[in-house]
Amino acid sequence: FSHTASGQGWTNHSWLWGWLFWAAYDGHADFAAWFNLVLLVVLFALIAWNAWRVSRSWLATGAATWLVAATCHWFLDLRPHVVTLLFTALLLSTLDWRRAPWLWPPLLALWANLHGGFAFGLGLIGLCALLQTEQAVRRRQPLPRAAWAGVVCAALAVGLNPWGFAIYEIPFQHLYTESPFGTLIEWQAVAPSLDPRSYAGRFWWIASFTLIGVLRGKTTRFSIALTVV
């Protein structure tokens, strides 16, 4: 939580997460851990809800939720990217709401102050609007103006942070050769492995089960497109 490079700028894109967790820790040393646990419970409840909506099977829902938890448990410690996992699940759970585009701007504004993973949220709603547009054109229906308005307003709302639109530089920092992000596992390519003891192995096993669901017609075009991305 320190930055010792004299004269170098630092965009603390997780400042609000730091403030919230410090406030929790300042109340009692265990409160930060309990706070994180509550976020994880909500996260996996949303994952289970999404799995059940697609499969309508409690067995498939339980298996999918367990596999996801077993795969990402390396990343569930006290770190702000848990917010990105949570907000992504929240977006997926509410995409079919009629007024969902009204939710996107305030959610992305909050997200941009909690973690730099807000880029995943913009990508998700952008993909949703793109597929809705393709479907409307194919069926000769009105274009989804509300969805695109929500995407544009969300992109503008991201600028509501201490660094303004400069926050958009954060997702691209790992592309620089001197960036320390390159040493983190979540910024590296997934290795071609089926070893269930490793993150890469569990990831590819989940991808295999996802393919089975796609072949059985148990998912939507959006789910397929999102999985491919």
C-alpha atoms as a PDB file:
ATOM      1  CA  PHE A   1       0.000   0.000   0.000  1.00  0.00           C
ATOM      2  CA  SER A   2       2.939   2.345  -0.502  1.00  0.00           C
ATOM      3  CA  HIS A   3       4.541   3.948  -3.521  1.00  0.00           C
ATOM      4  CA  THR A   4       8.214   4.777  -3.067  1.00  0.00           C
ATOM      5  CA  ALA A   5       9.255   5.791  -6.577  1.00  0.00           C
ATOM      6  CA  SER A   6      10.078   9.454  -6.017  1.00  0.00           C
ATOM      7  CA  GLY A   7       8.625  11.803  -8.617  1.00  0.00           C
ATOM      8  CA  GLN A   8       6.485   9.130 -10.291  1.00  0.00           C
ATOM      9  CA  GLY A   9       2.735   9.515 -10.501  1.00  0.00           C
ATOM     10  CA  TRP A  10       0.483   6.825  -9.082  1.00  0.00           C
ATOM     11  CA  THR A  11      -3.178   6.278  -9.826  1.00  0.00           C
ATOM     12  CA  ASN A  12      -4.629   4.542  -6.796  1.00  0.00           C
ATOM     13  CA  HIS A  13      -7.650   3.151  -8.644  1.00  0.00           C
ATOM     14  CA  SER A  14      -8.702   1.172  -5.544  1.00  0.00           C
ATOM     15  CA  TRP A  15      -8.710   4.122  -3.156  1.00  0.00           C
ATOM     16  CA  LEU A  16     -12.358   3.658  -2.131  1.00  0.00           C
ATOM     17  CA  TRP A  17     -11.866  -0.056  -1.473  1.00  0.00           C
ATOM     18  CA  GLY A  18      -8.873   0.835   0.702  1.00  0.00           C
ATOM     19  CA  TRP A  19     -10.901   3.398   2.609  1.00  0.00           C
ATOM     20  CA  LEU A  20     -13.795   0.978   3.233  1.00  0.00           C
ATOM     21  CA  PHE A  21     -11.585  -1.871   4.372  1.00  0.00           C
ATOM     22  CA  TRP A  22      -9.475   0.385   6.550  1.00  0.00           C
ATOM     23  CA  ALA A  23     -12.658   1.683   8.189  1.00  0.00           C
ATOM     24  CA  ALA A  24     -13.734  -1.919   8.820  1.00  0.00           C
ATOM     25  CA  TYR A  25     -10.310  -2.905  10.179  1.00  0.00           C
ATOM     26  CA  ASP A  26     -10.150   0.215  12.313  1.00  0.00           C
ATOM     27  CA  GLY A  27     -13.363  -0.862  14.020  1.00  0.00           C
ATOM     28  CA  HIS A  28     -11.994  -4.344  14.769  1.00  0.00           C
ATOM     29  CA  ALA A  29      -9.243  -6.438  13.227  1.00  0.00           C
ATOM     30  CA  ASP A  30     -11.740  -9.166  12.235  1.00  0.00           C
ATOM     31  CA  PHE A  31     -14.258  -6.834  10.590  1.00  0.00           C
ATOM     32  CA  ALA A  32     -12.253  -6.579   7.342  1.00  0.00           C
ATOM     33  CA  ALA A  33     -12.230 -10.374   7.012  1.00  0.00           C
ATOM     34  CA  TRP A  34     -15.977 -10.570   7.708  1.00  0.00           C
ATOM     35  CA  PHE A  35     -16.608  -7.776   5.202  1.00  0.00           C
ATOM     36  CA  ASN A  36     -14.715  -9.713   2.537  1.00  0.00           C
ATOM     37  CA  LEU A  37     -16.616 -12.896   3.432  1.00  0.00           C
ATOM     38  CA  VAL A  38     -19.952 -11.115   2.951  1.00  0.00           C
ATOM     39  CA  LEU A  39     -18.832  -9.951  -0.513  1.00  0.00           C
ATOM     40  CA  LEU A  40     -17.876 -13.539  -1.413  1.00  0.00           C
ATOM     41  CA  VAL A  41     -21.204 -14.943  -0.196  1.00  0.00           C
ATOM     42  CA  VAL A  42     -23.097 -12.438  -2.357  1.00  0.00           C
ATOM     43  CA  LEU A  43     -20.760 -13.149  -5.300  1.00  0.00           C
ATOM     44  CA  PHE A  44     -21.341 -16.917  -5.262  1.00  0.00           C
ATOM     45  CA  ALA A  45     -25.067 -16.487  -4.627  1.00  0.00           C
ATOM     46  CA  LEU A  46     -25.233 -14.462  -7.857  1.00  0.00           C
ATOM     47  CA  ILE A  47     -23.142 -17.087  -9.684  1.00  0.00           C
ATOM     48  CA  ALA A  48     -25.487 -19.842  -8.488  1.00  0.00           C
ATOM     49  CA  TRP A  49     -28.526 -17.793  -9.515  1.00  0.00           C
ATOM     50  CA  ASN A  50     -27.141 -17.286 -13.018  1.00  0.00           C
ATOM     51  CA  ALA A  51     -26.287 -20.984 -13.345  1.00  0.00           C
ATOM     52  CA  TRP A  52     -29.778 -21.992 -12.253  1.00  0.00           C
ATOM     53  CA  ARG A  53     -31.449 -19.569 -14.672  1.00  0.00           C
ATOM     54  CA  VAL A  54     -29.591 -21.207 -17.563  1.00  0.00           C
ATOM     55  CA  SER A  55     -29.759 -24.853 -16.511  1.00  0.00           C
ATOM     56  CA  ARG A  56     -32.921 -25.047 -14.348  1.00  0.00           C
ATOM     57  CA  SER A  57     -31.078 -27.865 -12.599  1.00  0.00           C
ATOM     58  CA  TRP A  58     -29.966 -27.675  -8.969  1.00  0.00           C
ATOM     59  CA  LEU A  59     -27.390 -30.403  -9.631  1.00  0.00           C
ATOM     60  CA  ALA A  60     -25.835 -28.461 -12.522  1.00  0.00           C
ATOM     61  CA  THR A  61     -26.035 -25.247 -10.485  1.00  0.00           C
ATOM     62  CA  GLY A  62     -24.244 -26.796  -7.517  1.00  0.00           C
ATOM     63  CA  ALA A  63     -21.573 -28.372  -9.719  1.00  0.00           C
ATOM     64  CA  ALA A  64     -20.947 -25.162 -11.666  1.00  0.00           C
ATOM     65  CA  THR A  65     -20.764 -23.013  -8.541  1.00  0.00           C
ATOM     66  CA  TRP A  66     -18.388 -25.464  -6.820  1.00  0.00           C
ATOM     67  CA  LEU A  67     -16.144 -25.646  -9.904  1.00  0.00           C
ATOM     68  CA  VAL A  68     -15.961 -21.868 -10.160  1.00  0.00           C
ATOM     69  CA  ALA A  69     -15.125 -21.539  -6.466  1.00  0.00           C
ATOM     70  CA  ALA A  70     -12.461 -24.249  -6.724  1.00  0.00           C
ATOM     71  CA  THR A  71     -10.926 -22.481  -9.709  1.00  0.00           C
ATOM     72  CA  CYS A  72     -10.794 -18.906  -8.421  1.00  0.00           C
ATOM     73  CA  HIS A  73     -10.047 -19.529  -4.745  1.00  0.00           C
ATOM     74  CA  TRP A  74      -6.498 -18.255  -5.342  1.00  0.00           C
ATOM     75  CA  PHE A  75      -7.993 -14.808  -5.929  1.00  0.00           C
ATOM     76  CA  LEU A  76     -10.475 -14.552  -3.052  1.00  0.00           C
ATOM     77  CA  ASP A  77      -8.236 -12.984  -0.426  1.00  0.00           C
ATOM     78  CA  LEU A  78      -8.455  -9.424   0.895  1.00  0.00           C
ATOM     79  CA  ARG A  79      -7.822  -7.673  -2.407  1.00  0.00           C
ATOM     80  CA  PRO A  80      -9.963  -5.186  -4.319  1.00  0.00           C
ATOM     81  CA  HIS A  81     -10.402  -7.318  -7.435  1.00  0.00           C
ATOM     82  CA  VAL A  82     -13.090  -9.259  -5.532  1.00  0.00           C
ATOM     83  CA  VAL A  83     -15.242  -6.203  -6.309  1.00  0.00           C
ATOM     84  CA  THR A  84     -14.726  -6.787 -10.035  1.00  0.00           C
ATOM     85  CA  LEU A  85     -15.840 -10.413  -9.704  1.00  0.00           C
ATOM     86  CA  LEU A  86     -18.881  -9.302  -7.685  1.00  0.00           C
ATOM     87  CA  PHE A  87     -19.943  -6.473 -10.001  1.00  0.00           C
ATOM     88  CA  THR A  88     -19.493  -8.652 -13.090  1.00  0.00           C
ATOM     89  CA  ALA A  89     -21.813 -11.248 -11.550  1.00  0.00           C
ATOM     90  CA  LEU A  90     -24.263  -8.464 -10.653  1.00  0.00           C
ATOM     91  CA  LEU A  91     -24.313  -7.202 -14.252  1.00  0.00           C
ATOM     92  CA  LEU A  92     -24.896 -10.721 -15.574  1.00  0.00           C
ATOM     93  CA  SER A  93     -27.783 -11.157 -13.131  1.00  0.00           C
ATOM     94  CA  THR A  94     -29.546  -7.976 -14.221  1.00  0.00           C
ATOM     95  CA  LEU A  95     -28.901  -7.765 -17.978  1.00  0.00           C
ATOM     96  CA  ASP A  96     -32.435  -8.909 -18.835  1.00  0.00           C
ATOM     97  CA  TRP A  97     -34.040  -6.269 -16.634  1.00  0.00           C
ATOM     98  CA  ARG A  98     -36.039  -3.807 -18.692  1.00  0.00           C
ATOM     99  CA  ARG A  99     -34.415  -0.855 -16.916  1.00  0.00           C
ATOM    100  CA  ALA A 100     -30.947  -2.402 -16.678  1.00  0.00           C
ATOM    101  CA  PRO A 101     -29.263   0.421 -18.694  1.00  0.00           C
ATOM    102  CA  TRP A 102     -30.253   2.851 -15.915  1.00  0.00           C
ATOM    103  CA  LEU A 103     -28.232   0.743 -13.472  1.00  0.00           C
ATOM    104  CA  TRP A 104     -25.017   0.768 -15.546  1.00  0.00           C
ATOM    105  CA  PRO A 105     -23.834   4.414 -15.068  1.00  0.00           C
ATOM    106  CA  PRO A 106     -23.974   4.504 -11.231  1.00  0.00           C
ATOM    107  CA  LEU A 107     -22.558   0.984 -11.002  1.00  0.00           C
ATOM    108  CA  LEU A 108     -19.611   1.801 -13.292  1.00  0.00           C
ATOM    109  CA  ALA A 109     -18.955   5.089 -11.478  1.00  0.00           C
ATOM    110  CA  LEU A 110     -18.719   3.214  -8.165  1.00  0.00           C
ATOM    111  CA  TRP A 111     -16.697   0.412  -9.780  1.00  0.00           C
ATOM    112  CA  ALA A 112     -14.095   2.832 -11.174  1.00  0.00           C
ATOM    113  CA  ASN A 113     -13.360   4.041  -7.638  1.00  0.00           C
ATOM    114  CA  LEU A 114     -13.137   0.528  -6.178  1.00  0.00           C
ATOM    115  CA  HIS A 115     -11.013  -1.341  -8.746  1.00  0.00           C
ATOM    116  CA  GLY A 116      -9.510  -0.876 -12.197  1.00  0.00           C
ATOM    117  CA  GLY A 117     -11.398  -3.934 -13.438  1.00  0.00           C
ATOM    118  CA  PHE A 118     -14.286  -1.647 -14.421  1.00  0.00           C
ATOM    119  CA  ALA A 119     -13.071  -2.270 -17.986  1.00  0.00           C
ATOM    120  CA  PHE A 120     -14.630  -5.743 -17.776  1.00  0.00           C
ATOM    121  CA  GLY A 121     -17.977  -4.154 -16.950  1.00  0.00           C
ATOM    122  CA  LEU A 122     -17.807  -1.805 -19.922  1.00  0.00           C
ATOM    123  CA  GLY A 123     -16.845  -4.700 -22.168  1.00  0.00           C
ATOM    124  CA  LEU A 124     -19.727  -6.808 -20.887  1.00  0.00           C
ATOM    125  CA  ILE A 125     -22.453  -4.218 -21.403  1.00  0.00           C
ATOM    126  CA  GLY A 126     -20.909  -3.188 -24.734  1.00  0.00           C
ATOM    127  CA  LEU A 127     -21.041  -6.794 -25.934  1.00  0.00           C
ATOM    128  CA  CYS A 128     -24.649  -7.037 -24.766  1.00  0.00           C
ATOM    129  CA  ALA A 129     -25.628  -3.884 -26.696  1.00  0.00           C
ATOM    130  CA  LEU A 130     -23.749  -5.095 -29.776  1.00  0.00           C
ATOM    131  CA  LEU A 131     -25.564  -8.435 -29.863  1.00  0.00           C
ATOM    132  CA  GLN A 132     -28.914  -6.725 -29.271  1.00  0.00           C
ATOM    133  CA  THR A 133     -28.157  -4.462 -32.237  1.00  0.00           C
ATOM    134  CA  GLU A 134     -27.221  -7.411 -34.453  1.00  0.00           C
ATOM    135  CA  GLN A 135     -30.436  -9.189 -33.498  1.00  0.00           C
ATOM    136  CA  ALA A 136     -32.535  -6.071 -34.132  1.00  0.00           C
ATOM    137  CA  VAL A 137     -30.999  -5.568 -37.579  1.00  0.00           C
ATOM    138  CA  ARG A 138     -31.486  -9.236 -38.477  1.00  0.00           C
ATOM    139  CA  ARG A 139     -35.128  -9.171 -37.390  1.00  0.00           C
ATOM    140  CA  ARG A 140     -35.731  -5.656 -38.766  1.00  0.00           C
ATOM    141  CA  GLN A 141     -36.713  -4.343 -35.360  1.00  0.00           C
ATOM    142  CA  PRO A 142     -35.956  -0.950 -33.728  1.00  0.00           C
ATOM    143  CA  LEU A 143     -32.378  -0.532 -32.583  1.00  0.00           C
ATOM    144  CA  PRO A 144     -31.693  -0.867 -28.814  1.00  0.00           C
ATOM    145  CA  ARG A 145     -31.166   2.846 -28.193  1.00  0.00           C
ATOM    146  CA  ALA A 146     -31.630   2.473 -24.429  1.00  0.00           C
ATOM    147  CA  ALA A 147     -28.835  -0.093 -24.239  1.00  0.00           C
ATOM    148  CA  TRP A 148     -26.399   2.102 -26.190  1.00  0.00           C
ATOM    149  CA  ALA A 149     -27.390   5.147 -24.140  1.00  0.00           C
ATOM    150  CA  GLY A 150     -26.598   3.125 -21.020  1.00  0.00           C
ATOM    151  CA  VAL A 151     -23.201   2.120 -22.417  1.00  0.00           C
ATOM    152  CA  VAL A 152     -22.289   5.717 -23.338  1.00  0.00           C
ATOM    153  CA  CYS A 153     -23.461   7.107 -19.993  1.00  0.00           C
ATOM    154  CA  ALA A 154     -21.567   4.365 -18.152  1.00  0.00           C
ATOM    155  CA  ALA A 155     -18.386   5.176 -20.094  1.00  0.00           C
ATOM    156  CA  LEU A 156     -18.774   8.823 -19.101  1.00  0.00           C
ATOM    157  CA  ALA A 157     -19.633   7.934 -15.498  1.00  0.00           C
ATOM    158  CA  VAL A 158     -16.289   6.131 -15.180  1.00  0.00           C
ATOM    159  CA  GLY A 159     -14.710   9.596 -15.241  1.00  0.00           C
ATOM    160  CA  LEU A 160     -16.296  10.405 -11.866  1.00  0.00           C
ATOM    161  CA  ASN A 161     -13.173   9.627  -9.864  1.00  0.00           C
ATOM    162  CA  PRO A 162     -10.189  11.651  -8.530  1.00  0.00           C
ATOM    163  CA  TRP A 163      -8.245  11.160 -11.800  1.00  0.00           C
ATOM    164  CA  GLY A 164     -11.065  11.711 -14.269  1.00  0.00           C
ATOM    165  CA  PHE A 165     -10.781   9.956 -17.621  1.00  0.00           C
ATOM    166  CA  ALA A 166      -7.085   9.241 -17.000  1.00  0.00           C
ATOM    167  CA  ILE A 167      -8.411   6.190 -15.119  1.00  0.00           C
ATOM    168  CA  TYR A 168      -8.793   4.539 -18.548  1.00  0.00           C
ATOM    169  CA  GLU A 169      -5.015   4.086 -18.636  1.00  0.00           C
ATOM    170  CA  ILE A 170      -5.164   1.518 -15.809  1.00  0.00           C
ATOM    171  CA  PRO A 171      -6.375  -1.508 -17.832  1.00  0.00           C
ATOM    172  CA  PHE A 172      -3.544  -1.028 -20.334  1.00  0.00           C
ATOM    173  CA  GLN A 173      -0.680  -0.685 -17.868  1.00  0.00           C
ATOM    174  CA  HIS A 174       0.114  -4.405 -17.973  1.00  0.00           C
ATOM    175  CA  LEU A 175       1.005  -4.035 -21.663  1.00  0.00           C
ATOM    176  CA  TYR A 176       4.130  -2.067 -20.788  1.00  0.00           C
ATOM    177  CA  THR A 177       7.234  -4.239 -20.556  1.00  0.00           C
ATOM    178  CA  GLU A 178       8.371  -2.549 -17.330  1.00  0.00           C
ATOM    179  CA  SER A 179       5.007  -2.983 -15.624  1.00  0.00           C
ATOM    180  CA  PRO A 180       5.070  -5.006 -12.372  1.00  0.00           C
ATOM    181  CA  PHE A 181       1.619  -6.362 -13.256  1.00  0.00           C
ATOM    182  CA  GLY A 182       3.247  -8.856 -15.613  1.00  0.00           C
ATOM    183  CA  THR A 183       4.361 -10.951 -12.615  1.00  0.00           C
ATOM    184  CA  LEU A 184       0.806 -11.457 -11.304  1.00  0.00           C
ATOM    185  CA  ILE A 185      -0.983 -14.677 -12.234  1.00  0.00           C
ATOM    186  CA  GLU A 186      -4.233 -12.931 -13.252  1.00  0.00           C
ATOM    187  CA  TRP A 187      -2.359 -10.861 -15.861  1.00  0.00           C
ATOM    188  CA  GLN A 188      -0.686 -13.857 -17.507  1.00  0.00           C
ATOM    189  CA  ALA A 189      -1.935 -16.111 -20.277  1.00  0.00           C
ATOM    190  CA  VAL A 190      -3.584 -19.338 -19.131  1.00  0.00           C
ATOM    191  CA  ALA A 191      -1.220 -22.281 -19.628  1.00  0.00           C
ATOM    192  CA  PRO A 192      -2.401 -25.282 -21.716  1.00  0.00           C
ATOM    193  CA  SER A 193      -2.813 -27.743 -18.848  1.00  0.00           C
ATOM    194  CA  LEU A 194      -5.444 -30.194 -17.609  1.00  0.00           C
ATOM    195  CA  ASP A 195      -3.834 -30.705 -14.210  1.00  0.00           C
ATOM    196  CA  PRO A 196      -6.722 -30.122 -11.755  1.00  0.00           C
ATOM    197  CA  ARG A 197      -4.237 -29.060  -9.059  1.00  0.00           C
ATOM    198  CA  SER A 198      -3.413 -25.890 -11.001  1.00  0.00           C
ATOM    199  CA  TYR A 199      -5.435 -22.801 -11.848  1.00  0.00           C
ATOM    200  CA  ALA A 200      -4.909 -23.371 -15.595  1.00  0.00           C
ATOM    201  CA  GLY A 201      -6.068 -26.974 -15.386  1.00  0.00           C
ATOM    202  CA  ARG A 202      -9.260 -26.103 -13.538  1.00  0.00           C
ATOM    203  CA  PHE A 203      -9.915 -23.243 -15.945  1.00  0.00           C
ATOM    204  CA  TRP A 204      -9.771 -25.548 -18.983  1.00  0.00           C
ATOM    205  CA  TRP A 205     -11.939 -28.176 -17.289  1.00  0.00           C
ATOM    206  CA  ILE A 206     -14.594 -25.503 -16.730  1.00  0.00           C
ATOM    207  CA  ALA A 207     -14.245 -24.456 -20.381  1.00  0.00           C
ATOM    208  CA  SER A 208     -14.838 -28.087 -21.393  1.00  0.00           C
ATOM    209  CA  PHE A 209     -18.001 -28.345 -19.307  1.00  0.00           C
ATOM    210  CA  THR A 210     -19.153 -25.025 -20.748  1.00  0.00           C
ATOM    211  CA  LEU A 211     -18.734 -26.442 -24.250  1.00  0.00           C
ATOM    212  CA  ILE A 212     -20.975 -29.382 -23.298  1.00  0.00           C
ATOM    213  CA  GLY A 213     -23.652 -26.922 -22.192  1.00  0.00           C
ATOM    214  CA  VAL A 214     -23.336 -24.990 -25.461  1.00  0.00           C
ATOM    215  CA  LEU A 215     -23.658 -28.172 -27.559  1.00  0.00           C
ATOM    216  CA  ARG A 216     -26.784 -29.152 -25.619  1.00  0.00           C
ATOM    217  CA  GLY A 217     -28.321 -25.757 -26.335  1.00  0.00           C
ATOM    218  CA  LYS A 218     -28.416 -24.802 -22.648  1.00  0.00           C
ATOM    219  CA  THR A 219     -27.152 -21.268 -23.077  1.00  0.00           C
ATOM    220  CA  THR A 220     -27.751 -18.012 -24.952  1.00  0.00           C
ATOM    221  CA  ARG A 221     -25.878 -16.334 -27.791  1.00  0.00           C
ATOM    222  CA  PHE A 222     -24.680 -13.713 -25.330  1.00  0.00           C
ATOM    223  CA  SER A 223     -23.291 -16.362 -22.961  1.00  0.00           C
ATOM    224  CA  ILE A 224     -21.457 -18.007 -25.848  1.00  0.00           C
ATOM    225  CA  ALA A 225     -20.018 -14.707 -27.066  1.00  0.00           C
ATOM    226  CA  LEU A 226     -18.946 -13.733 -23.548  1.00  0.00           C
ATOM    227  CA  THR A 227     -17.285 -17.116 -23.028  1.00  0.00           C
ATOM    228  CA  VAL A 228     -15.363 -16.785 -26.295  1.00  0.00           C
ATOM    229  CA  VAL A 229     -14.163 -13.289 -25.326  1.00  0.00           C
END
